[in-house]
């Protein structure tokens, strides 16, 4: 079995500051094992003295679309720990050369990857599988900015031109 604490990382193809991490993993007749977070592998990507503070999980059924949400101070390390999602990241940094551009990633539990999002990124995902469990770690200074302090973009905003794999997803009231 390879060293399961090793990660390969690459920069996003479109959006500066977004990174994709692919862990090494062991696989046999029982399934797979991998490390989703090892502090030493992520320190160089976060601002000095900033650490991940808490984790969140969400479970969603097929055809659910969550987001596009974000805030001005949270770094997020996201992954799909069960099932498959179509992850979309939107650059909401007004001073960025890729402002309002988006990038999509397909992430699933059989070939794990984590995406690191800096602050001011719109974060959204669509569930491709029957069920998916989405996980994200958050790093920020001060208190957590919950829903009332976050920004939201309409999932089908024509100025973004996101190519979603569905026309009529299941949405929360907030996302409608």
C-alpha atoms as a PDB file:
ATOM      1  CA  UNK A   1       0.000   0.000   0.000  1.00  0.00           C
ATOM      2  CA  UNK A   2       1.301   3.482  -0.819  1.00  0.00           C
ATOM      3  CA  UNK A   3       1.754   6.259   1.737  1.00  0.00           C
ATOM      4  CA  UNK A   4      -1.858   7.319   2.330  1.00  0.00           C
ATOM      5  CA  UNK A   5      -0.778  10.680   3.779  1.00  0.00           C
ATOM      6  CA  UNK A   6       0.614  11.852   0.434  1.00  0.00           C
ATOM      7  CA  UNK A   7      -1.321  14.301  -1.761  1.00  0.00           C
ATOM      8  CA  UNK A   8      -0.789  15.384  -5.345  1.00  0.00           C
ATOM      9  CA  UNK A   9      -1.968  18.944  -5.906  1.00  0.00           C
ATOM     10  CA  UNK A  10      -2.599  21.005  -8.995  1.00  0.00           C
ATOM     11  CA  UNK A  11      -3.843  24.503  -9.638  1.00  0.00           C
ATOM     12  CA  UNK A  12      -7.282  25.027 -11.072  1.00  0.00           C
ATOM     13  CA  UNK A  13      -7.238  25.292 -14.855  1.00  0.00           C
ATOM     14  CA  UNK A  14      -9.340  28.482 -14.776  1.00  0.00           C
ATOM     15  CA  UNK A  15      -9.447  30.198 -11.380  1.00  0.00           C
ATOM     16  CA  UNK A  16      -6.360  31.441  -9.549  1.00  0.00           C
ATOM     17  CA  UNK A  17      -6.198  30.414  -5.892  1.00  0.00           C
ATOM     18  CA  UNK A  18      -8.315  27.252  -6.310  1.00  0.00           C
ATOM     19  CA  UNK A  19      -6.430  23.968  -5.891  1.00  0.00           C
ATOM     20  CA  UNK A  20      -7.327  20.325  -6.517  1.00  0.00           C
ATOM     21  CA  UNK A  21      -5.817  17.742  -4.147  1.00  0.00           C
ATOM     22  CA  UNK A  22      -5.749  14.071  -5.028  1.00  0.00           C
ATOM     23  CA  UNK A  23      -4.736  11.813  -2.158  1.00  0.00           C
ATOM     24  CA  UNK A  24      -2.893   8.563  -2.598  1.00  0.00           C
ATOM     25  CA  UNK A  25      -5.141   5.737  -1.503  1.00  0.00           C
ATOM     26  CA  UNK A  26      -5.102   2.057  -0.814  1.00  0.00           C
ATOM     27  CA  UNK A  27      -7.597  -0.155  -2.589  1.00  0.00           C
ATOM     28  CA  UNK A  28      -8.328  -3.836  -2.179  1.00  0.00           C
ATOM     29  CA  UNK A  29     -11.271  -6.244  -2.103  1.00  0.00           C
ATOM     30  CA  UNK A  30     -12.679  -4.454   0.990  1.00  0.00           C
ATOM     31  CA  UNK A  31     -12.771  -0.991  -0.625  1.00  0.00           C
ATOM     32  CA  UNK A  32     -10.492   2.028  -0.330  1.00  0.00           C
ATOM     33  CA  UNK A  33      -8.702   3.997   2.394  1.00  0.00           C
ATOM     34  CA  UNK A  34      -7.224   7.469   2.122  1.00  0.00           C
ATOM     35  CA  UNK A  35      -6.378  10.508   4.208  1.00  0.00           C
ATOM     36  CA  UNK A  36      -8.638  13.485   3.504  1.00  0.00           C
ATOM     37  CA  UNK A  37      -6.673  15.969   5.586  1.00  0.00           C
ATOM     38  CA  UNK A  38      -3.134  16.028   6.906  1.00  0.00           C
ATOM     39  CA  UNK A  39      -2.238  19.460   8.297  1.00  0.00           C
ATOM     40  CA  UNK A  40       1.339  19.494   6.960  1.00  0.00           C
ATOM     41  CA  UNK A  41       0.039  19.065   3.393  1.00  0.00           C
ATOM     42  CA  UNK A  42      -2.225  22.115   3.549  1.00  0.00           C
ATOM     43  CA  UNK A  43      -0.343  24.723   5.623  1.00  0.00           C
ATOM     44  CA  UNK A  44       1.443  26.230   2.621  1.00  0.00           C
ATOM     45  CA  UNK A  45      -1.864  26.968   0.873  1.00  0.00           C
ATOM     46  CA  UNK A  46      -3.511  28.908   3.709  1.00  0.00           C
ATOM     47  CA  UNK A  47      -2.535  32.376   4.938  1.00  0.00           C
ATOM     48  CA  UNK A  48      -0.005  32.294   7.773  1.00  0.00           C
ATOM     49  CA  UNK A  49      -1.460  31.370  11.193  1.00  0.00           C
ATOM     50  CA  UNK A  50      -4.839  30.383   9.717  1.00  0.00           C
ATOM     51  CA  UNK A  51      -6.063  26.883  10.580  1.00  0.00           C
ATOM     52  CA  UNK A  52      -9.147  24.845   9.812  1.00  0.00           C
ATOM     53  CA  UNK A  53     -11.660  25.316  12.645  1.00  0.00           C
ATOM     54  CA  UNK A  54     -14.605  23.056  11.934  1.00  0.00           C
ATOM     55  CA  UNK A  55     -16.129  20.535   9.544  1.00  0.00           C
ATOM     56  CA  UNK A  56     -19.587  20.272   8.028  1.00  0.00           C
ATOM     57  CA  UNK A  57     -21.362  17.428   6.246  1.00  0.00           C
ATOM     58  CA  UNK A  58     -24.498  17.431   4.144  1.00  0.00           C
ATOM     59  CA  UNK A  59     -26.403  14.484   2.769  1.00  0.00           C
ATOM     60  CA  UNK A  60     -28.425  15.051  -0.380  1.00  0.00           C
ATOM     61  CA  UNK A  61     -30.453  12.923  -2.747  1.00  0.00           C
ATOM     62  CA  UNK A  62     -30.216  12.679  -6.531  1.00  0.00           C
ATOM     63  CA  UNK A  63     -30.940  15.881  -8.499  1.00  0.00           C
ATOM     64  CA  UNK A  64     -30.429  18.213  -5.517  1.00  0.00           C
ATOM     65  CA  UNK A  65     -28.512  21.388  -6.324  1.00  0.00           C
ATOM     66  CA  UNK A  66     -27.039  23.321  -3.377  1.00  0.00           C
ATOM     67  CA  UNK A  67     -25.620  26.839  -3.653  1.00  0.00           C
ATOM     68  CA  UNK A  68     -24.196  29.070  -5.093  1.00  0.00           C
ATOM     69  CA  UNK A  69     -23.071  30.422  -1.686  1.00  0.00           C
ATOM     70  CA  UNK A  70     -19.929  31.979  -0.255  1.00  0.00           C
ATOM     71  CA  UNK A  71     -18.520  34.564   2.102  1.00  0.00           C
ATOM     72  CA  UNK A  72     -15.662  37.036   2.337  1.00  0.00           C
ATOM     73  CA  UNK A  73     -13.381  35.233   4.802  1.00  0.00           C
ATOM     74  CA  UNK A  74     -13.761  31.434   4.796  1.00  0.00           C
ATOM     75  CA  UNK A  75     -11.364  29.028   3.143  1.00  0.00           C
ATOM     76  CA  UNK A  76     -13.138  25.761   2.309  1.00  0.00           C
ATOM     77  CA  UNK A  77     -11.683  22.324   1.642  1.00  0.00           C
ATOM     78  CA  UNK A  78     -14.485  20.354   0.026  1.00  0.00           C
ATOM     79  CA  UNK A  79     -14.969  16.759  -1.071  1.00  0.00           C
ATOM     80  CA  UNK A  80     -17.593  14.106  -1.707  1.00  0.00           C
ATOM     81  CA  UNK A  81     -17.194  11.249   0.774  1.00  0.00           C
ATOM     82  CA  UNK A  82     -20.062   9.166  -0.608  1.00  0.00           C
ATOM     83  CA  UNK A  83     -21.671   9.153  -4.047  1.00  0.00           C
ATOM     84  CA  UNK A  84     -20.903  11.610  -6.830  1.00  0.00           C
ATOM     85  CA  UNK A  85     -21.305  15.348  -7.244  1.00  0.00           C
ATOM     86  CA  UNK A  86     -20.836  17.940  -9.949  1.00  0.00           C
ATOM     87  CA  UNK A  87     -18.952  20.667  -8.045  1.00  0.00           C
ATOM     88  CA  UNK A  88     -19.088  24.244  -9.362  1.00  0.00           C
ATOM     89  CA  UNK A  89     -16.852  27.102  -8.205  1.00  0.00           C
ATOM     90  CA  UNK A  90     -17.593  30.717  -9.203  1.00  0.00           C
ATOM     91  CA  UNK A  91     -14.978  33.465  -8.784  1.00  0.00           C
ATOM     92  CA  UNK A  92     -16.758  36.310  -6.967  1.00  0.00           C
ATOM     93  CA  UNK A  93     -13.655  38.442  -6.350  1.00  0.00           C
ATOM     94  CA  UNK A  94     -14.438  41.727  -8.116  1.00  0.00           C
ATOM     95  CA  UNK A  95     -10.729  42.536  -8.555  1.00  0.00           C
ATOM     96  CA  UNK A  96      -9.930  39.133 -10.114  1.00  0.00           C
ATOM     97  CA  UNK A  97      -9.214  38.682 -13.854  1.00  0.00           C
ATOM     98  CA  UNK A  98     -11.536  35.643 -13.697  1.00  0.00           C
ATOM     99  CA  UNK A  99     -14.401  37.490 -11.938  1.00  0.00           C
ATOM    100  CA  UNK A 100     -17.738  35.714 -12.558  1.00  0.00           C
ATOM    101  CA  UNK A 101     -16.019  32.819 -14.328  1.00  0.00           C
ATOM    102  CA  UNK A 102     -16.803  29.301 -13.161  1.00  0.00           C
ATOM    103  CA  UNK A 103     -15.197  25.899 -13.176  1.00  0.00           C
ATOM    104  CA  UNK A 104     -16.746  22.472 -12.655  1.00  0.00           C
ATOM    105  CA  UNK A 105     -15.298  19.278 -11.206  1.00  0.00           C
ATOM    106  CA  UNK A 106     -16.833  15.822 -10.941  1.00  0.00           C
ATOM    107  CA  UNK A 107     -15.939  14.374  -7.553  1.00  0.00           C
ATOM    108  CA  UNK A 108     -16.862  10.923  -6.304  1.00  0.00           C
ATOM    109  CA  UNK A 109     -16.039   8.591  -3.460  1.00  0.00           C
ATOM    110  CA  UNK A 110     -14.326   6.002  -5.690  1.00  0.00           C
ATOM    111  CA  UNK A 111     -11.571   8.364  -6.861  1.00  0.00           C
ATOM    112  CA  UNK A 112     -11.316  10.915  -4.054  1.00  0.00           C
ATOM    113  CA  UNK A 113     -10.310  14.532  -4.583  1.00  0.00           C
ATOM    114  CA  UNK A 114     -10.515  17.648  -2.447  1.00  0.00           C
ATOM    115  CA  UNK A 115     -10.943  21.196  -3.779  1.00  0.00           C
ATOM    116  CA  UNK A 116      -9.526  24.140  -1.798  1.00  0.00           C
ATOM    117  CA  UNK A 117     -11.514  27.354  -2.231  1.00  0.00           C
ATOM    118  CA  UNK A 118     -10.246  30.728  -1.031  1.00  0.00           C
ATOM    119  CA  UNK A 119     -12.641  33.383   0.317  1.00  0.00           C
ATOM    120  CA  UNK A 120     -15.071  35.102  -2.071  1.00  0.00           C
ATOM    121  CA  UNK A 121     -15.666  31.944  -4.111  1.00  0.00           C
ATOM    122  CA  UNK A 122     -19.198  30.860  -4.875  1.00  0.00           C
ATOM    123  CA  UNK A 123     -19.557  27.213  -3.888  1.00  0.00           C
ATOM    124  CA  UNK A 124     -22.217  24.923  -5.323  1.00  0.00           C
ATOM    125  CA  UNK A 125     -22.815  21.287  -6.153  1.00  0.00           C
ATOM    126  CA  UNK A 126     -25.307  19.038  -7.900  1.00  0.00           C
ATOM    127  CA  UNK A 127     -25.870  15.400  -6.874  1.00  0.00           C
ATOM    128  CA  UNK A 128     -25.352  12.896  -9.729  1.00  0.00           C
ATOM    129  CA  UNK A 129     -25.746   9.713  -7.655  1.00  0.00           C
ATOM    130  CA  UNK A 130     -28.765   8.382  -5.741  1.00  0.00           C
ATOM    131  CA  UNK A 131     -27.317   9.930  -2.562  1.00  0.00           C
ATOM    132  CA  UNK A 132     -24.179  11.960  -1.862  1.00  0.00           C
ATOM    133  CA  UNK A 133     -22.450  13.038   1.310  1.00  0.00           C
ATOM    134  CA  UNK A 134     -20.586  16.313   0.936  1.00  0.00           C
ATOM    135  CA  UNK A 135     -17.881  17.344   3.388  1.00  0.00           C
ATOM    136  CA  UNK A 136     -16.134  20.648   3.904  1.00  0.00           C
ATOM    137  CA  UNK A 137     -13.567  21.959   6.335  1.00  0.00           C
ATOM    138  CA  UNK A 138     -13.600  25.675   7.086  1.00  0.00           C
ATOM    139  CA  UNK A 139     -10.706  27.972   8.024  1.00  0.00           C
ATOM    140  CA  UNK A 140     -11.342  31.609   8.966  1.00  0.00           C
ATOM    141  CA  UNK A 141     -10.467  34.305  11.474  1.00  0.00           C
ATOM    142  CA  UNK A 142     -12.984  35.301  14.130  1.00  0.00           C
ATOM    143  CA  UNK A 143     -16.514  33.933  14.128  1.00  0.00           C
ATOM    144  CA  UNK A 144     -18.100  31.820  11.412  1.00  0.00           C
ATOM    145  CA  UNK A 145     -20.259  33.689   8.894  1.00  0.00           C
ATOM    146  CA  UNK A 146     -23.466  31.674   8.705  1.00  0.00           C
ATOM    147  CA  UNK A 147     -26.196  31.880   6.043  1.00  0.00           C
ATOM    148  CA  UNK A 148     -27.421  35.378   6.958  1.00  0.00           C
ATOM    149  CA  UNK A 149     -23.886  36.785   6.417  1.00  0.00           C
ATOM    150  CA  UNK A 150     -23.124  34.882   3.228  1.00  0.00           C
ATOM    151  CA  UNK A 151     -23.686  35.890  -0.364  1.00  0.00           C
ATOM    152  CA  UNK A 152     -25.829  33.844  -2.732  1.00  0.00           C
ATOM    153  CA  UNK A 153     -26.010  33.787  -6.505  1.00  0.00           C
ATOM    154  CA  UNK A 154     -28.906  32.342  -8.447  1.00  0.00           C
ATOM    155  CA  UNK A 155     -27.942  28.852  -9.633  1.00  0.00           C
ATOM    156  CA  UNK A 156     -29.090  29.592 -13.199  1.00  0.00           C
ATOM    157  CA  UNK A 157     -27.926  33.240 -13.451  1.00  0.00           C
ATOM    158  CA  UNK A 158     -27.588  33.768 -17.208  1.00  0.00           C
ATOM    159  CA  UNK A 159     -24.615  36.151 -16.727  1.00  0.00           C
ATOM    160  CA  UNK A 160     -22.625  33.187 -15.340  1.00  0.00           C
ATOM    161  CA  UNK A 161     -23.586  30.685 -18.046  1.00  0.00           C
ATOM    162  CA  UNK A 162     -23.009  27.623 -15.869  1.00  0.00           C
ATOM    163  CA  UNK A 163     -23.599  24.375 -17.729  1.00  0.00           C
ATOM    164  CA  UNK A 164     -25.562  22.315 -15.222  1.00  0.00           C
ATOM    165  CA  UNK A 165     -26.368  18.660 -16.001  1.00  0.00           C
ATOM    166  CA  UNK A 166     -30.089  19.290 -15.326  1.00  0.00           C
ATOM    167  CA  UNK A 167     -32.722  21.903 -16.164  1.00  0.00           C
ATOM    168  CA  UNK A 168     -35.021  21.438 -13.148  1.00  0.00           C
ATOM    169  CA  UNK A 169     -33.029  20.533 -10.027  1.00  0.00           C
ATOM    170  CA  UNK A 170     -34.387  20.120  -6.513  1.00  0.00           C
ATOM    171  CA  UNK A 171     -33.692  23.442  -4.732  1.00  0.00           C
ATOM    172  CA  UNK A 172     -34.084  24.945  -1.273  1.00  0.00           C
ATOM    173  CA  UNK A 173     -36.152  28.114  -0.899  1.00  0.00           C
ATOM    174  CA  UNK A 174     -32.894  30.042  -0.464  1.00  0.00           C
ATOM    175  CA  UNK A 175     -31.575  28.723  -3.789  1.00  0.00           C
ATOM    176  CA  UNK A 176     -34.756  29.398  -5.741  1.00  0.00           C
END
